[in-house]
Amino acid sequence: MDLQTYLPVILFILVGIAVGVLPQAMGHLLGPQRPDAAKASAYECGFEAFGDARMKFDVRYYLVAILFILFDLEIAFLFPWAVAIRDIGASGFWAMMIFLGILVVGFVYEWKKGALDWE
């Protein structure tokens, strides 16, 4: 088994670890160590924290966030399609029209169900 072919992968992993760890270690070792009460206190928007940090969020927040990510990713598929529109021909065009039709149907469904309303 020839391990020389794995050398670039091992080097890549080692450089990645070094780039992640070395700046943090250097900052910790070379940086000033002057703790005080203000630096050690909990910080939340400039005033003391209130309530439990593990409080429950309304499910609508997660629903809107997931829908945003979903439709954002679907729109990201349009960019490669638009770049290659001349090369893919009519079948690629109609395949994307079907994709966009399904996307619009899903969007209208979510809109009618009120999933996009923020109360």
PDB file of N, CA and C in Angstrom:
ATOM      1  N   MET A   1       0.852  -1.179   0.000  1.00  0.00           N
ATOM      2  CA  MET A   1       0.000   0.000   0.000  1.00  0.00           C
ATOM      3  C   MET A   1       0.893   1.235   0.000  1.00  0.00           C
ATOM      4  N   ASP A   2       0.665   2.126  -0.926  1.00  0.00           N
ATOM      5  CA  ASP A   2       1.482   3.320  -1.075  1.00  0.00           C
ATOM      6  C   ASP A   2       0.843   4.475  -0.315  1.00  0.00           C
ATOM      7  N   LEU A   3       1.435   4.863   0.808  1.00  0.00           N
ATOM      8  CA  LEU A   3       0.884   5.934   1.633  1.00  0.00           C
ATOM      9  C   LEU A   3       1.257   7.321   1.128  1.00  0.00           C
ATOM     10  N   GLN A   4       2.130   7.392   0.129  1.00  0.00           N
ATOM     11  CA  GLN A   4       2.551   8.691  -0.382  1.00  0.00           C
ATOM     12  C   GLN A   4       1.398   9.424  -1.068  1.00  0.00           C
ATOM     13  N   THR A   5       0.418   8.711  -1.559  1.00  0.00           N
ATOM     14  CA  THR A   5      -0.729   9.369  -2.200  1.00  0.00           C
ATOM     15  C   THR A   5      -1.607  10.087  -1.179  1.00  0.00           C
ATOM     16  N   TYR A   6      -1.505   9.684   0.088  1.00  0.00           N
ATOM     17  CA  TYR A   6      -2.307  10.317   1.134  1.00  0.00           C
ATOM     18  C   TYR A   6      -1.607  11.530   1.755  1.00  0.00           C
ATOM     19  N   LEU A   7      -0.378  11.799   1.369  1.00  0.00           N
ATOM     20  CA  LEU A   7       0.374  12.902   1.948  1.00  0.00           C
ATOM     21  C   LEU A   7      -0.321  14.251   1.773  1.00  0.00           C
ATOM     22  N   PRO A   8      -0.866  14.587   0.601  1.00  0.00           N
ATOM     23  CA  PRO A   8      -1.564  15.876   0.500  1.00  0.00           C
ATOM     24  C   PRO A   8      -2.770  15.981   1.425  1.00  0.00           C
ATOM     25  N   VAL A   9      -3.479  14.893   1.609  1.00  0.00           N
ATOM     26  CA  VAL A   9      -4.642  14.911   2.497  1.00  0.00           C
ATOM     27  C   VAL A   9      -4.202  15.125   3.940  1.00  0.00           C
ATOM     28  N   ILE A  10      -3.157  14.429   4.353  1.00  0.00           N
ATOM     29  CA  ILE A  10      -2.643  14.576   5.718  1.00  0.00           C
ATOM     30  C   ILE A  10      -2.129  15.990   5.936  1.00  0.00           C
ATOM     31  N   LEU A  11      -1.419  16.533   4.948  1.00  0.00           N
ATOM     32  CA  LEU A  11      -0.942  17.915   5.065  1.00  0.00           C
ATOM     33  C   LEU A  11      -2.106  18.900   5.150  1.00  0.00           C
ATOM     34  N   PHE A  12      -3.126  18.677   4.362  1.00  0.00           N
ATOM     35  CA  PHE A  12      -4.299  19.540   4.396  1.00  0.00           C
ATOM     36  C   PHE A  12      -4.958  19.516   5.771  1.00  0.00           C
ATOM     37  N   ILE A  13      -5.099  18.346   6.351  1.00  0.00           N
ATOM     38  CA  ILE A  13      -5.696  18.225   7.685  1.00  0.00           C
ATOM     39  C   ILE A  13      -4.821  18.904   8.733  1.00  0.00           C
ATOM     40  N   LEU A  14      -3.525  18.688   8.661  1.00  0.00           N
ATOM     41  CA  LEU A  14      -2.620  19.306   9.636  1.00  0.00           C
ATOM     42  C   LEU A  14      -2.603  20.822   9.525  1.00  0.00           C
ATOM     43  N   VAL A  15      -2.591  21.340   8.310  1.00  0.00           N
ATOM     44  CA  VAL A  15      -2.624  22.800   8.132  1.00  0.00           C
ATOM     45  C   VAL A  15      -3.958  23.358   8.624  1.00  0.00           C
ATOM     46  N   GLY A  16      -5.048  22.664   8.364  1.00  0.00           N
ATOM     47  CA  GLY A  16      -6.356  23.108   8.853  1.00  0.00           C
ATOM     48  C   GLY A  16      -6.418  23.154  10.363  1.00  0.00           C
ATOM     49  N   ILE A  17      -5.878  22.145  11.023  1.00  0.00           N
ATOM     50  CA  ILE A  17      -5.843  22.131  12.486  1.00  0.00           C
ATOM     51  C   ILE A  17      -4.953  23.259  13.002  1.00  0.00           C
ATOM     52  N   ALA A  18      -3.809  23.457  12.354  1.00  0.00           N
ATOM     53  CA  ALA A  18      -2.890  24.519  12.787  1.00  0.00           C
ATOM     54  C   ALA A  18      -3.524  25.893  12.628  1.00  0.00           C
ATOM     55  N   VAL A  19      -4.233  26.118  11.531  1.00  0.00           N
ATOM     56  CA  VAL A  19      -4.882  27.412  11.312  1.00  0.00           C
ATOM     57  C   VAL A  19      -5.988  27.638  12.345  1.00  0.00           C
ATOM     58  N   GLY A  20      -6.632  26.591  12.785  1.00  0.00           N
ATOM     59  CA  GLY A  20      -7.685  26.737  13.776  1.00  0.00           C
ATOM     60  C   GLY A  20      -7.186  26.877  15.201  1.00  0.00           C
ATOM     61  N   VAL A  21      -6.095  26.193  15.520  1.00  0.00           N
ATOM     62  CA  VAL A  21      -5.631  26.134  16.905  1.00  0.00           C
ATOM     63  C   VAL A  21      -4.565  27.186  17.220  1.00  0.00           C
ATOM     64  N   LEU A  22      -3.626  27.388  16.321  1.00  0.00           N
ATOM     65  CA  LEU A  22      -2.506  28.288  16.611  1.00  0.00           C
ATOM     66  C   LEU A  22      -2.923  29.724  16.937  1.00  0.00           C
ATOM     67  N   PRO A  23      -3.804  30.378  16.198  1.00  0.00           N
ATOM     68  CA  PRO A  23      -4.179  31.743  16.581  1.00  0.00           C
ATOM     69  C   PRO A  23      -4.828  31.823  17.967  1.00  0.00           C
ATOM     70  N   GLN A  24      -5.619  30.823  18.303  1.00  0.00           N
ATOM     71  CA  GLN A  24      -6.241  30.825  19.627  1.00  0.00           C
ATOM     72  C   GLN A  24      -5.202  30.626  20.720  1.00  0.00           C
ATOM     73  N   ALA A  25      -4.296  29.715  20.500  1.00  0.00           N
ATOM     74  CA  ALA A  25      -3.254  29.461  21.500  1.00  0.00           C
ATOM     75  C   ALA A  25      -2.346  30.681  21.649  1.00  0.00           C
ATOM     76  N   MET A  26      -1.986  31.313  20.535  1.00  0.00           N
ATOM     77  CA  MET A  26      -1.136  32.501  20.606  1.00  0.00           C
ATOM     78  C   MET A  26      -1.849  33.639  21.320  1.00  0.00           C
ATOM     79  N   GLY A  27      -3.130  33.821  21.062  1.00  0.00           N
ATOM     80  CA  GLY A  27      -3.890  34.860  21.748  1.00  0.00           C
ATOM     81  C   GLY A  27      -3.983  34.614  23.240  1.00  0.00           C
ATOM     82  N   HIS A  28      -4.143  33.365  23.596  1.00  0.00           N
ATOM     83  CA  HIS A  28      -4.231  33.024  25.024  1.00  0.00           C
ATOM     84  C   HIS A  28      -2.878  33.201  25.716  1.00  0.00           C
ATOM     85  N   LEU A  29      -1.813  32.792  25.051  1.00  0.00           N
ATOM     86  CA  LEU A  29      -0.483  32.874  25.669  1.00  0.00           C
ATOM     87  C   LEU A  29       0.093  34.287  25.643  1.00  0.00           C
ATOM     88  N   LEU A  30      -0.103  35.013  24.558  1.00  0.00           N
ATOM     89  CA  LEU A  30       0.525  36.318  24.408  1.00  0.00           C
ATOM     90  C   LEU A  30      -0.369  37.488  24.815  1.00  0.00           C
ATOM     91  N   GLY A  31      -1.663  37.254  24.921  1.00  0.00           N
ATOM     92  CA  GLY A  31      -2.585  38.329  25.258  1.00  0.00           C
ATOM     93  C   GLY A  31      -2.525  38.695  26.725  1.00  0.00           C
ATOM     94  N   PRO A  32      -2.991  39.910  27.050  1.00  0.00           N
ATOM     95  CA  PRO A  32      -2.990  40.329  28.449  1.00  0.00           C
ATOM     96  C   PRO A  32      -4.006  39.526  29.267  1.00  0.00           C
ATOM     97  N   GLN A  33      -3.635  39.235  30.490  1.00  0.00           N
ATOM     98  CA  GLN A  33      -4.490  38.464  31.392  1.00  0.00           C
ATOM     99  C   GLN A  33      -4.891  39.361  32.558  1.00  0.00           C
ATOM    100  N   ARG A  34      -5.866  40.238  32.339  1.00  0.00           N
ATOM    101  CA  ARG A  34      -6.313  41.155  33.381  1.00  0.00           C
ATOM    102  C   ARG A  34      -7.821  41.010  33.588  1.00  0.00           C
ATOM    103  N   PRO A  35      -8.260  39.950  34.243  1.00  0.00           N
ATOM    104  CA  PRO A  35      -9.702  39.787  34.456  1.00  0.00           C
ATOM    105  C   PRO A  35     -10.226  40.781  35.496  1.00  0.00           C
ATOM    106  N   ASP A  36     -11.437  41.234  35.309  1.00  0.00           N
ATOM    107  CA  ASP A  36     -12.120  42.036  36.323  1.00  0.00           C
ATOM    108  C   ASP A  36     -13.597  41.635  36.349  1.00  0.00           C
ATOM    109  N   ALA A  37     -14.348  42.230  37.235  1.00  0.00           N
ATOM    110  CA  ALA A  37     -15.742  41.818  37.429  1.00  0.00           C
ATOM    111  C   ALA A  37     -16.586  42.074  36.183  1.00  0.00           C
ATOM    112  N   ALA A  38     -16.339  43.174  35.476  1.00  0.00           N
ATOM    113  CA  ALA A  38     -17.135  43.489  34.293  1.00  0.00           C
ATOM    114  C   ALA A  38     -16.888  42.490  33.166  1.00  0.00           C
ATOM    115  N   LYS A  39     -15.641  42.065  32.984  1.00  0.00           N
ATOM    116  CA  LYS A  39     -15.329  41.103  31.930  1.00  0.00           C
ATOM    117  C   LYS A  39     -15.863  39.720  32.257  1.00  0.00           C
ATOM    118  N   ALA A  40     -15.918  39.372  33.512  1.00  0.00           N
ATOM    119  CA  ALA A  40     -16.364  38.043  33.909  1.00  0.00           C
ATOM    120  C   ALA A  40     -17.882  37.938  34.041  1.00  0.00           C
ATOM    121  N   SER A  41     -18.590  39.066  33.983  1.00  0.00           N
ATOM    122  CA  SER A  41     -20.043  39.029  34.168  1.00  0.00           C
ATOM    123  C   SER A  41     -20.749  38.598  32.878  1.00  0.00           C
ATOM    124  N   ALA A  42     -21.982  38.144  33.055  1.00  0.00           N
ATOM    125  CA  ALA A  42     -22.790  37.758  31.899  1.00  0.00           C
ATOM    126  C   ALA A  42     -23.222  39.012  31.158  1.00  0.00           C
ATOM    127  N   TYR A  43     -23.176  38.968  29.854  1.00  0.00           N
ATOM    128  CA  TYR A  43     -23.491  40.139  29.042  1.00  0.00           C
ATOM    129  C   TYR A  43     -24.645  39.828  28.114  1.00  0.00           C
ATOM    130  N   GLU A  44     -25.666  40.657  28.187  1.00  0.00           N
ATOM    131  CA  GLU A  44     -26.805  40.498  27.294  1.00  0.00           C
ATOM    132  C   GLU A  44     -27.329  41.878  26.948  1.00  0.00           C
ATOM    133  N   CYS A  45     -26.934  42.387  25.830  1.00  0.00           N
ATOM    134  CA  CYS A  45     -27.399  43.680  25.319  1.00  0.00           C
ATOM    135  C   CYS A  45     -27.089  44.834  26.265  1.00  0.00           C
ATOM    136  N   GLY A  46     -26.053  44.741  27.041  1.00  0.00           N
ATOM    137  CA  GLY A  46     -25.650  45.849  27.891  1.00  0.00           C
ATOM    138  C   GLY A  46     -26.313  45.900  29.244  1.00  0.00           C
ATOM    139  N   PHE A  47     -27.197  44.965  29.549  1.00  0.00           N
ATOM    140  CA  PHE A  47     -27.815  44.950  30.871  1.00  0.00           C
ATOM    141  C   PHE A  47     -27.848  43.527  31.401  1.00  0.00           C
ATOM    142  N   GLU A  48     -28.148  43.399  32.650  1.00  0.00           N
ATOM    143  CA  GLU A  48     -28.150  42.088  33.294  1.00  0.00           C
ATOM    144  C   GLU A  48     -29.156  41.153  32.624  1.00  0.00           C
ATOM    145  N   ALA A  49     -28.778  39.908  32.533  1.00  0.00           N
ATOM    146  CA  ALA A  49     -29.651  38.912  31.923  1.00  0.00           C
ATOM    147  C   ALA A  49     -30.870  38.685  32.804  1.00  0.00           C
ATOM    148  N   PHE A  50     -31.987  38.445  32.146  1.00  0.00           N
ATOM    149  CA  PHE A  50     -33.208  38.147  32.884  1.00  0.00           C
ATOM    150  C   PHE A  50     -33.849  36.907  32.273  1.00  0.00           C
ATOM    151  N   GLY A  51     -34.527  36.173  33.059  1.00  0.00           N
ATOM    152  CA  GLY A  51     -35.180  34.969  32.578  1.00  0.00           C
ATOM    153  C   GLY A  51     -34.199  33.828  32.369  1.00  0.00           C
ATOM    154  N   ASP A  52     -34.732  32.706  31.962  1.00  0.00           N
ATOM    155  CA  ASP A  52     -33.930  31.512  31.732  1.00  0.00           C
ATOM    156  C   ASP A  52     -33.423  31.509  30.297  1.00  0.00           C
ATOM    157  N   ALA A  53     -32.186  31.173  30.097  1.00  0.00           N
ATOM    158  CA  ALA A  53     -31.617  31.116  28.757  1.00  0.00           C
ATOM    159  C   ALA A  53     -32.197  29.957  27.951  1.00  0.00           C
ATOM    160  N   ARG A  54     -32.810  29.016  28.615  1.00  0.00           N
ATOM    161  CA  ARG A  54     -33.377  27.845  27.940  1.00  0.00           C
ATOM    162  C   ARG A  54     -34.886  27.965  27.768  1.00  0.00           C
ATOM    163  N   MET A  55     -35.372  29.202  27.635  1.00  0.00           N
ATOM    164  CA  MET A  55     -36.816  29.378  27.481  1.00  0.00           C
ATOM    165  C   MET A  55     -37.263  28.872  26.112  1.00  0.00           C
ATOM    166  N   LYS A  56     -38.503  28.515  26.008  1.00  0.00           N
ATOM    167  CA  LYS A  56     -39.036  27.966  24.773  1.00  0.00           C
ATOM    168  C   LYS A  56     -39.401  29.096  23.821  1.00  0.00           C
ATOM    169  N   PHE A  57     -39.108  28.874  22.537  1.00  0.00           N
ATOM    170  CA  PHE A  57     -39.505  29.797  21.503  1.00  0.00           C
ATOM    171  C   PHE A  57     -40.798  29.293  20.875  1.00  0.00           C
ATOM    172  N   ASP A  58     -41.539  30.217  20.335  1.00  0.00           N
ATOM    173  CA  ASP A  58     -42.753  29.846  19.629  1.00  0.00           C
ATOM    174  C   ASP A  58     -42.376  29.049  18.380  1.00  0.00           C
ATOM    175  N   VAL A  59     -43.159  28.041  18.068  1.00  0.00           N
ATOM    176  CA  VAL A  59     -42.859  27.179  16.934  1.00  0.00           C
ATOM    177  C   VAL A  59     -42.930  27.951  15.622  1.00  0.00           C
ATOM    178  N   ARG A  60     -43.669  29.055  15.591  1.00  0.00           N
ATOM    179  CA  ARG A  60     -43.756  29.843  14.357  1.00  0.00           C
ATOM    180  C   ARG A  60     -42.396  30.410  13.967  1.00  0.00           C
ATOM    181  N   TYR A  61     -41.563  30.724  14.952  1.00  0.00           N
ATOM    182  CA  TYR A  61     -40.219  31.226  14.646  1.00  0.00           C
ATOM    183  C   TYR A  61     -39.445  30.180  13.840  1.00  0.00           C
ATOM    184  N   TYR A  62     -39.479  28.941  14.289  1.00  0.00           N
ATOM    185  CA  TYR A  62     -38.767  27.871  13.592  1.00  0.00           C
ATOM    186  C   TYR A  62     -39.385  27.610  12.221  1.00  0.00           C
ATOM    187  N   LEU A  63     -40.701  27.682  12.133  1.00  0.00           N
ATOM    188  CA  LEU A  63     -41.380  27.439  10.872  1.00  0.00           C
ATOM    189  C   LEU A  63     -40.985  28.481   9.828  1.00  0.00           C
ATOM    190  N   VAL A  64     -40.983  29.752  10.212  1.00  0.00           N
ATOM    191  CA  VAL A  64     -40.592  30.804   9.277  1.00  0.00           C
ATOM    192  C   VAL A  64     -39.124  30.653   8.891  1.00  0.00           C
ATOM    193  N   ALA A  65     -38.272  30.305   9.850  1.00  0.00           N
ATOM    194  CA  ALA A  65     -36.847  30.134   9.551  1.00  0.00           C
ATOM    195  C   ALA A  65     -36.626  28.974   8.582  1.00  0.00           C
ATOM    196  N   ILE A  66     -37.299  27.864   8.795  1.00  0.00           N
ATOM    197  CA  ILE A  66     -37.149  26.706   7.915  1.00  0.00           C
ATOM    198  C   ILE A  66     -37.687  27.015   6.526  1.00  0.00           C
ATOM    199  N   LEU A  67     -38.826  27.720   6.465  1.00  0.00           N
ATOM    200  CA  LEU A  67     -39.375  28.074   5.157  1.00  0.00           C
ATOM    201  C   LEU A  67     -38.460  29.031   4.410  1.00  0.00           C
ATOM    202  N   PHE A  68     -37.843  29.963   5.122  1.00  0.00           N
ATOM    203  CA  PHE A  68     -36.898  30.864   4.481  1.00  0.00           C
ATOM    204  C   PHE A  68     -35.724  30.088   3.897  1.00  0.00           C
ATOM    205  N   ILE A  69     -35.165  29.193   4.676  1.00  0.00           N
ATOM    206  CA  ILE A  69     -34.028  28.405   4.195  1.00  0.00           C
ATOM    207  C   ILE A  69     -34.444  27.544   3.012  1.00  0.00           C
ATOM    208  N   LEU A  70     -35.610  26.943   3.090  1.00  0.00           N
ATOM    209  CA  LEU A  70     -36.090  26.096   2.013  1.00  0.00           C
ATOM    210  C   LEU A  70     -36.211  26.874   0.710  1.00  0.00           C
ATOM    211  N   PHE A  71     -36.908  28.002   0.740  1.00  0.00           N
ATOM    212  CA  PHE A  71     -37.112  28.759  -0.488  1.00  0.00           C
ATOM    213  C   PHE A  71     -35.825  29.439  -0.943  1.00  0.00           C
ATOM    214  N   ASP A  72     -34.960  29.795  -0.020  1.00  0.00           N
ATOM    215  CA  ASP A  72     -33.676  30.386  -0.386  1.00  0.00           C
ATOM    216  C   ASP A  72     -32.824  29.366  -1.136  1.00  0.00           C
ATOM    217  N   LEU A  73     -32.796  28.143  -0.659  1.00  0.00           N
ATOM    218  CA  LEU A  73     -32.034  27.099  -1.347  1.00  0.00           C
ATOM    219  C   LEU A  73     -32.639  26.757  -2.703  1.00  0.00           C
ATOM    220  N   GLU A  74     -33.947  26.778  -2.776  1.00  0.00           N
ATOM    221  CA  GLU A  74     -34.590  26.488  -4.055  1.00  0.00           C
ATOM    222  C   GLU A  74     -34.246  27.562  -5.079  1.00  0.00           C
ATOM    223  N   ILE A  75     -34.201  28.801  -4.655  1.00  0.00           N
ATOM    224  CA  ILE A  75     -33.842  29.893  -5.566  1.00  0.00           C
ATOM    225  C   ILE A  75     -32.377  29.769  -5.982  1.00  0.00           C
ATOM    226  N   ALA A  76     -31.536  29.226  -5.116  1.00  0.00           N
ATOM    227  CA  ALA A  76     -30.121  29.052  -5.466  1.00  0.00           C
ATOM    228  C   ALA A  76     -29.945  28.108  -6.645  1.00  0.00           C
ATOM    229  N   PHE A  77     -30.911  27.229  -6.892  1.00  0.00           N
ATOM    230  CA  PHE A  77     -30.836  26.346  -8.055  1.00  0.00           C
ATOM    231  C   PHE A  77     -31.050  27.100  -9.364  1.00  0.00           C
ATOM    232  N   LEU A  78     -31.608  28.295  -9.293  1.00  0.00           N
ATOM    233  CA  LEU A  78     -31.859  29.055 -10.514  1.00  0.00           C
ATOM    234  C   LEU A  78     -30.582  29.621 -11.127  1.00  0.00           C
ATOM    235  N   PHE A  79     -29.572  29.902 -10.334  1.00  0.00           N
ATOM    236  CA  PHE A  79     -28.357  30.511 -10.859  1.00  0.00           C
ATOM    237  C   PHE A  79     -27.612  29.597 -11.830  1.00  0.00           C
ATOM    238  N   PRO A  80     -27.318  28.352 -11.483  1.00  0.00           N
ATOM    239  CA  PRO A  80     -26.652  27.492 -12.475  1.00  0.00           C
ATOM    240  C   PRO A  80     -27.520  27.255 -13.706  1.00  0.00           C
ATOM    241  N   TRP A  81     -28.822  27.177 -13.502  1.00  0.00           N
ATOM    242  CA  TRP A  81     -29.733  26.992 -14.627  1.00  0.00           C
ATOM    243  C   TRP A  81     -29.682  28.196 -15.555  1.00  0.00           C
ATOM    244  N   ALA A  82     -29.674  29.398 -14.996  1.00  0.00           N
ATOM    245  CA  ALA A  82     -29.639  30.604 -15.817  1.00  0.00           C
ATOM    246  C   ALA A  82     -28.322  30.725 -16.571  1.00  0.00           C
ATOM    247  N   VAL A  83     -27.239  30.269 -15.968  1.00  0.00           N
ATOM    248  CA  VAL A  83     -25.941  30.338 -16.646  1.00  0.00           C
ATOM    249  C   VAL A  83     -25.899  29.339 -17.819  1.00  0.00           C
ATOM    250  N   ALA A  84     -26.492  28.184 -17.639  1.00  0.00           N
ATOM    251  CA  ALA A  84     -26.401  27.129 -18.650  1.00  0.00           C
ATOM    252  C   ALA A  84     -27.646  27.021 -19.517  1.00  0.00           C
ATOM    253  N   ILE A  85     -28.472  28.056 -19.548  1.00  0.00           N
ATOM    254  CA  ILE A  85     -29.749  27.958 -20.259  1.00  0.00           C
ATOM    255  C   ILE A  85     -29.561  27.680 -21.752  1.00  0.00           C
ATOM    256  N   ARG A  86     -28.506  28.213 -22.363  1.00  0.00           N
ATOM    257  CA  ARG A  86     -28.290  27.980 -23.799  1.00  0.00           C
ATOM    258  C   ARG A  86     -27.819  26.559 -24.077  1.00  0.00           C
ATOM    259  N   ASP A  87     -27.122  25.964 -23.115  1.00  0.00           N
ATOM    260  CA  ASP A  87     -26.561  24.628 -23.335  1.00  0.00           C
ATOM    261  C   ASP A  87     -27.555  23.507 -23.063  1.00  0.00           C
ATOM    262  N   ILE A  88     -28.531  23.724 -22.209  1.00  0.00           N
ATOM    263  CA  ILE A  88     -29.416  22.628 -21.806  1.00  0.00           C
ATOM    264  C   ILE A  88     -30.592  22.431 -22.750  1.00  0.00           C
ATOM    265  N   GLY A  89     -30.891  23.424 -23.560  1.00  0.00           N
ATOM    266  CA  GLY A  89     -31.935  23.261 -24.562  1.00  0.00           C
ATOM    267  C   GLY A  89     -33.341  23.354 -23.999  1.00  0.00           C
ATOM    268  N   ALA A  90     -34.287  22.936 -24.825  1.00  0.00           N
ATOM    269  CA  ALA A  90     -35.703  23.058 -24.468  1.00  0.00           C
ATOM    270  C   ALA A  90     -36.089  22.109 -23.335  1.00  0.00           C
ATOM    271  N   SER A  91     -35.498  20.906 -23.309  1.00  0.00           N
ATOM    272  CA  SER A  91     -35.869  19.969 -22.244  1.00  0.00           C
ATOM    273  C   SER A  91     -35.432  20.493 -20.876  1.00  0.00           C
ATOM    274  N   GLY A  92     -34.257  21.115 -20.804  1.00  0.00           N
ATOM    275  CA  GLY A  92     -33.817  21.715 -19.544  1.00  0.00           C
ATOM    276  C   GLY A  92     -34.679  22.890 -19.144  1.00  0.00           C
ATOM    277  N   PHE A  93     -35.115  23.664 -20.140  1.00  0.00           N
ATOM    278  CA  PHE A  93     -35.993  24.798 -19.851  1.00  0.00           C
ATOM    279  C   PHE A  93     -37.309  24.326 -19.253  1.00  0.00           C
ATOM    280  N   TRP A  94     -37.927  23.322 -19.885  1.00  0.00           N
ATOM    281  CA  TRP A  94     -39.226  22.855 -19.396  1.00  0.00           C
ATOM    282  C   TRP A  94     -39.105  22.104 -18.070  1.00  0.00           C
ATOM    283  N   ALA A  95     -37.983  21.441 -17.857  1.00  0.00           N
ATOM    284  CA  ALA A  95     -37.763  20.800 -16.557  1.00  0.00           C
ATOM    285  C   ALA A  95     -37.700  21.859 -15.456  1.00  0.00           C
ATOM    286  N   MET A  96     -37.045  22.983 -15.728  1.00  0.00           N
ATOM    287  CA  MET A  96     -36.977  24.042 -14.726  1.00  0.00           C
ATOM    288  C   MET A  96     -38.339  24.712 -14.557  1.00  0.00           C
ATOM    289  N   MET A  97     -39.125  24.813 -15.611  1.00  0.00           N
ATOM    290  CA  MET A  97     -40.464  25.383 -15.473  1.00  0.00           C
ATOM    291  C   MET A  97     -41.337  24.497 -14.583  1.00  0.00           C
ATOM    292  N   ILE A  98     -41.197  23.185 -14.725  1.00  0.00           N
ATOM    293  CA  ILE A  98     -41.937  22.273 -13.843  1.00  0.00           C
ATOM    294  C   ILE A  98     -41.464  22.449 -12.400  1.00  0.00           C
ATOM    295  N   PHE A  99     -40.150  22.548 -12.211  1.00  0.00           N
ATOM    296  CA  PHE A  99     -39.587  22.776 -10.880  1.00  0.00           C
ATOM    297  C   PHE A  99     -40.124  24.071 -10.284  1.00  0.00           C
ATOM    298  N   LEU A 100     -40.127  25.149 -11.066  1.00  0.00           N
ATOM    299  CA  LEU A 100     -40.637  26.431 -10.571  1.00  0.00           C
ATOM    300  C   LEU A 100     -42.140  26.366 -10.302  1.00  0.00           C
ATOM    301  N   GLY A 101     -42.865  25.609 -11.126  1.00  0.00           N
ATOM    302  CA  GLY A 101     -44.302  25.447 -10.886  1.00  0.00           C
ATOM    303  C   GLY A 101     -44.575  24.770  -9.550  1.00  0.00           C
ATOM    304  N   ILE A 102     -43.827  23.715  -9.260  1.00  0.00           N
ATOM    305  CA  ILE A 102     -43.974  23.022  -7.969  1.00  0.00           C
ATOM    306  C   ILE A 102     -43.584  23.955  -6.827  1.00  0.00           C
ATOM    307  N   LEU A 103     -42.536  24.742  -7.033  1.00  0.00           N
ATOM    308  CA  LEU A 103     -42.104  25.695  -6.019  1.00  0.00           C
ATOM    309  C   LEU A 103     -43.178  26.746  -5.762  1.00  0.00           C
ATOM    310  N   VAL A 104     -43.802  27.253  -6.807  1.00  0.00           N
ATOM    311  CA  VAL A 104     -44.858  28.260  -6.649  1.00  0.00           C
ATOM    312  C   VAL A 104     -46.076  27.645  -5.965  1.00  0.00           C
ATOM    313  N   VAL A 105     -46.428  26.424  -6.312  1.00  0.00           N
ATOM    314  CA  VAL A 105     -47.563  25.759  -5.653  1.00  0.00           C
ATOM    315  C   VAL A 105     -47.285  25.614  -4.160  1.00  0.00           C
ATOM    316  N   GLY A 106     -46.067  25.212  -3.800  1.00  0.00           N
ATOM    317  CA  GLY A 106     -45.716  25.099  -2.384  1.00  0.00           C
ATOM    318  C   GLY A 106     -45.740  26.441  -1.678  1.00  0.00           C
ATOM    319  N   PHE A 107     -45.267  27.477  -2.350  1.00  0.00           N
ATOM    320  CA  PHE A 107     -45.266  28.807  -1.761  1.00  0.00           C
ATOM    321  C   PHE A 107     -46.685  29.310  -1.545  1.00  0.00           C
ATOM    322  N   VAL A 108     -47.562  29.129  -2.525  1.00  0.00           N
ATOM    323  CA  VAL A 108     -48.959  29.552  -2.392  1.00  0.00           C
ATOM    324  C   VAL A 108     -49.641  28.766  -1.272  1.00  0.00           C
ATOM    325  N   TYR A 109     -49.360  27.477  -1.181  1.00  0.00           N
ATOM    326  CA  TYR A 109     -49.928  26.656  -0.109  1.00  0.00           C
ATOM    327  C   TYR A 109     -49.519  27.189   1.263  1.00  0.00           C
ATOM    328  N   GLU A 110     -48.222  27.488   1.432  1.00  0.00           N
ATOM    329  CA  GLU A 110     -47.752  28.017   2.705  1.00  0.00           C
ATOM    330  C   GLU A 110     -48.381  29.377   2.995  1.00  0.00           C
ATOM    331  N   TRP A 111     -48.547  30.184   1.988  1.00  0.00           N
ATOM    332  CA  TRP A 111     -49.135  31.509   2.155  1.00  0.00           C
ATOM    333  C   TRP A 111     -50.595  31.385   2.591  1.00  0.00           C
ATOM    334  N   LYS A 112     -51.347  30.500   1.921  1.00  0.00           N
ATOM    335  CA  LYS A 112     -52.772  30.316   2.249  1.00  0.00           C
ATOM    336  C   LYS A 112     -52.957  29.723   3.642  1.00  0.00           C
ATOM    337  N   LYS A 113     -52.043  28.859   4.069  1.00  0.00           N
ATOM    338  CA  LYS A 113     -52.128  28.260   5.403  1.00  0.00           C
ATOM    339  C   LYS A 113     -51.756  29.247   6.506  1.00  0.00           C
ATOM    340  N   GLY A 114     -51.161  30.377   6.133  1.00  0.00           N
ATOM    341  CA  GLY A 114     -50.781  31.383   7.114  1.00  0.00           C
ATOM    342  C   GLY A 114     -49.441  31.118   7.765  1.00  0.00           C
ATOM    343  N   ALA A 115     -48.627  30.261   7.169  1.00  0.00           N
ATOM    344  CA  ALA A 115     -47.334  29.944   7.760  1.00  0.00           C
ATOM    345  C   ALA A 115     -46.360  31.107   7.661  1.00  0.00           C
ATOM    346  N   LEU A 116     -46.612  32.033   6.748  1.00  0.00           N
ATOM    347  CA  LEU A 116     -45.711  33.160   6.579  1.00  0.00           C
ATOM    348  C   LEU A 116     -46.144  34.384   7.384  1.00  0.00           C
ATOM    349  N   ASP A 117     -47.264  34.295   8.074  1.00  0.00           N
ATOM    350  CA  ASP A 117     -47.747  35.423   8.891  1.00  0.00           C
ATOM    351  C   ASP A 117     -47.014  35.459  10.215  1.00  0.00           C
ATOM    352  N   TRP A 118     -46.548  36.619  10.573  1.00  0.00           N
ATOM    353  CA  TRP A 118     -45.855  36.804  11.847  1.00  0.00           C
ATOM    354  C   TRP A 118     -46.758  37.668  12.722  1.00  0.00           C
ATOM    355  N   GLU A 119     -47.273  37.087  13.792  1.00  0.00           N
ATOM    356  CA  GLU A 119     -48.235  37.797  14.639  1.00  0.00           C
ATOM    357  C   GLU A 119     -47.556  38.516  15.764  1.00  0.00           C
TER     358      GLU A 119
END
